[in-house]
Amino acid sequence: MKNHLRKAVESMREHYIQKLIDAGMYQSTDETLQSLTLTELETLASRIDHPQ
C-alpha cells in the first residue's frame, strides 16, 4: 500500500513540474522544482490556471 501512495504522489509531482515547465515558469534543468513539496507545486500550478 505504501508503494502505491508513494507512486501516486510522485506521479502528481511530475505532472505539476511538467505543467510549470510547459507554461515557461521554469526551465527543465531547474533543480528547484525537485525540492518543492507536492503542495508547493500545486500552489504554483494553480497560478497558471487562475492568475491574480
N, C-alpha and C. Protein backbone atom coordinates (compact mmCIF):
# COMPACT_ATOMS: atom_id res chain seq x y z
N MET A 1 0.81 -1.20 0.00
CA MET A 1 0.00 0.00 0.00
C MET A 1 0.85 1.26 0.00
N LYS A 2 1.92 1.27 0.78
CA LYS A 2 2.79 2.44 0.83
C LYS A 2 3.37 2.75 -0.53
N ASN A 3 3.75 1.72 -1.25
CA ASN A 3 4.35 1.94 -2.57
C ASN A 3 3.36 2.58 -3.53
N HIS A 4 2.08 2.21 -3.43
CA HIS A 4 1.07 2.80 -4.30
C HIS A 4 0.91 4.29 -4.01
N LEU A 5 0.87 4.63 -2.75
CA LEU A 5 0.74 6.03 -2.37
C LEU A 5 1.97 6.82 -2.79
N ARG A 6 3.13 6.26 -2.57
CA ARG A 6 4.37 6.92 -2.96
C ARG A 6 4.40 7.16 -4.48
N LYS A 7 3.99 6.16 -5.25
CA LYS A 7 3.97 6.30 -6.71
C LYS A 7 2.96 7.35 -7.14
N ALA A 8 1.81 7.40 -6.47
CA ALA A 8 0.78 8.38 -6.81
C ALA A 8 1.27 9.80 -6.53
N VAL A 9 1.92 9.99 -5.39
CA VAL A 9 2.45 11.32 -5.05
C VAL A 9 3.53 11.72 -6.04
N GLU A 10 4.41 10.82 -6.36
CA GLU A 10 5.48 11.14 -7.31
C GLU A 10 4.91 11.44 -8.69
N SER A 11 3.88 10.72 -9.08
CA SER A 11 3.23 10.97 -10.37
C SER A 11 2.61 12.36 -10.40
N MET A 12 1.96 12.75 -9.32
CA MET A 12 1.37 14.09 -9.25
C MET A 12 2.45 15.16 -9.26
N ARG A 13 3.55 14.93 -8.55
CA ARG A 13 4.66 15.89 -8.54
C ARG A 13 5.17 16.10 -9.96
N GLU A 14 5.38 15.01 -10.67
CA GLU A 14 5.89 15.09 -12.05
C GLU A 14 4.90 15.81 -12.96
N HIS A 15 3.62 15.59 -12.73
CA HIS A 15 2.58 16.26 -13.51
C HIS A 15 2.68 17.78 -13.34
N TYR A 16 2.75 18.21 -12.08
CA TYR A 16 2.82 19.65 -11.81
C TYR A 16 4.15 20.26 -12.27
N ILE A 17 5.22 19.53 -12.11
CA ILE A 17 6.52 20.01 -12.60
C ILE A 17 6.46 20.22 -14.10
N GLN A 18 5.91 19.26 -14.83
CA GLN A 18 5.82 19.38 -16.28
C GLN A 18 4.91 20.54 -16.67
N LYS A 19 3.84 20.73 -15.93
CA LYS A 19 2.92 21.84 -16.20
C LYS A 19 3.63 23.18 -16.04
N LEU A 20 4.45 23.31 -15.00
CA LEU A 20 5.19 24.56 -14.77
C LEU A 20 6.25 24.78 -15.85
N ILE A 21 6.89 23.73 -16.29
CA ILE A 21 7.88 23.83 -17.36
C ILE A 21 7.20 24.21 -18.67
N ASP A 22 6.08 23.55 -18.99
CA ASP A 22 5.36 23.85 -20.22
C ASP A 22 4.84 25.28 -20.26
N ALA A 23 4.50 25.82 -19.09
CA ALA A 23 4.00 27.19 -19.02
C ALA A 23 5.12 28.22 -19.12
N GLY A 24 6.37 27.75 -19.08
CA GLY A 24 7.50 28.65 -19.19
C GLY A 24 7.91 29.30 -17.88
N MET A 25 7.35 28.83 -16.78
CA MET A 25 7.69 29.42 -15.48
C MET A 25 9.05 28.95 -14.99
N TYR A 26 9.46 27.77 -15.42
CA TYR A 26 10.74 27.18 -15.02
C TYR A 26 11.36 26.48 -16.21
N GLN A 27 12.66 26.29 -16.13
CA GLN A 27 13.39 25.51 -17.13
C GLN A 27 13.43 24.05 -16.69
N SER A 28 13.54 23.14 -17.61
CA SER A 28 13.59 21.71 -17.27
C SER A 28 14.84 21.36 -16.48
N THR A 29 15.85 22.20 -16.55
CA THR A 29 17.10 21.94 -15.83
C THR A 29 17.09 22.56 -14.43
N ASP A 30 16.02 23.25 -14.08
CA ASP A 30 15.94 23.93 -12.78
C ASP A 30 15.71 22.90 -11.67
N GLU A 31 16.70 22.73 -10.83
CA GLU A 31 16.62 21.74 -9.75
C GLU A 31 15.73 22.20 -8.60
N THR A 32 15.36 23.45 -8.59
CA THR A 32 14.49 23.98 -7.55
C THR A 32 13.17 23.21 -7.50
N LEU A 33 12.66 22.86 -8.66
CA LEU A 33 11.38 22.15 -8.72
C LEU A 33 11.42 20.83 -7.98
N GLN A 34 12.52 20.14 -8.06
CA GLN A 34 12.64 18.83 -7.42
C GLN A 34 12.62 18.93 -5.90
N SER A 35 12.95 20.10 -5.37
CA SER A 35 12.99 20.25 -3.92
C SER A 35 11.66 20.71 -3.34
N LEU A 36 10.70 21.07 -4.19
CA LEU A 36 9.41 21.55 -3.71
C LEU A 36 8.49 20.39 -3.34
N THR A 37 7.63 20.64 -2.37
CA THR A 37 6.65 19.63 -1.97
C THR A 37 5.51 19.60 -2.98
N LEU A 38 4.69 18.57 -2.88
CA LEU A 38 3.53 18.46 -3.75
C LEU A 38 2.61 19.67 -3.56
N THR A 39 2.40 20.06 -2.33
CA THR A 39 1.54 21.22 -2.05
C THR A 39 2.09 22.50 -2.66
N GLU A 40 3.38 22.69 -2.57
CA GLU A 40 4.00 23.88 -3.16
C GLU A 40 3.87 23.86 -4.68
N LEU A 41 4.05 22.71 -5.28
CA LEU A 41 3.90 22.58 -6.73
C LEU A 41 2.45 22.85 -7.15
N GLU A 42 1.50 22.32 -6.39
CA GLU A 42 0.09 22.56 -6.68
C GLU A 42 -0.23 24.05 -6.62
N THR A 43 0.30 24.73 -5.64
CA THR A 43 0.06 26.16 -5.47
C THR A 43 0.61 26.95 -6.66
N LEU A 44 1.83 26.63 -7.06
CA LEU A 44 2.42 27.30 -8.22
C LEU A 44 1.63 27.02 -9.49
N ALA A 45 1.23 25.77 -9.67
CA ALA A 45 0.47 25.40 -10.86
C ALA A 45 -0.90 26.05 -10.90
N SER A 46 -1.50 26.26 -9.73
CA SER A 46 -2.80 26.90 -9.70
C SER A 46 -2.73 28.34 -10.19
N ARG A 47 -1.57 28.95 -10.06
CA ARG A 47 -1.39 30.33 -10.56
C ARG A 47 -1.44 30.39 -12.08
N ILE A 48 -1.14 29.29 -12.72
CA ILE A 48 -1.22 29.23 -14.18
C ILE A 48 -2.69 29.29 -14.60
N ASP A 49 -3.52 28.49 -13.92
CA ASP A 49 -4.93 28.40 -14.26
C ASP A 49 -5.75 29.60 -13.78
N HIS A 50 -5.30 30.20 -12.67
CA HIS A 50 -6.04 31.31 -12.07
C HIS A 50 -5.09 32.45 -11.72
N PRO A 51 -4.58 33.15 -12.74
CA PRO A 51 -3.65 34.26 -12.43
C PRO A 51 -4.36 35.37 -11.68
N GLN A 52 -3.63 36.01 -10.80
CA GLN A 52 -4.23 37.08 -10.00
C GLN A 52 -4.07 38.41 -10.65
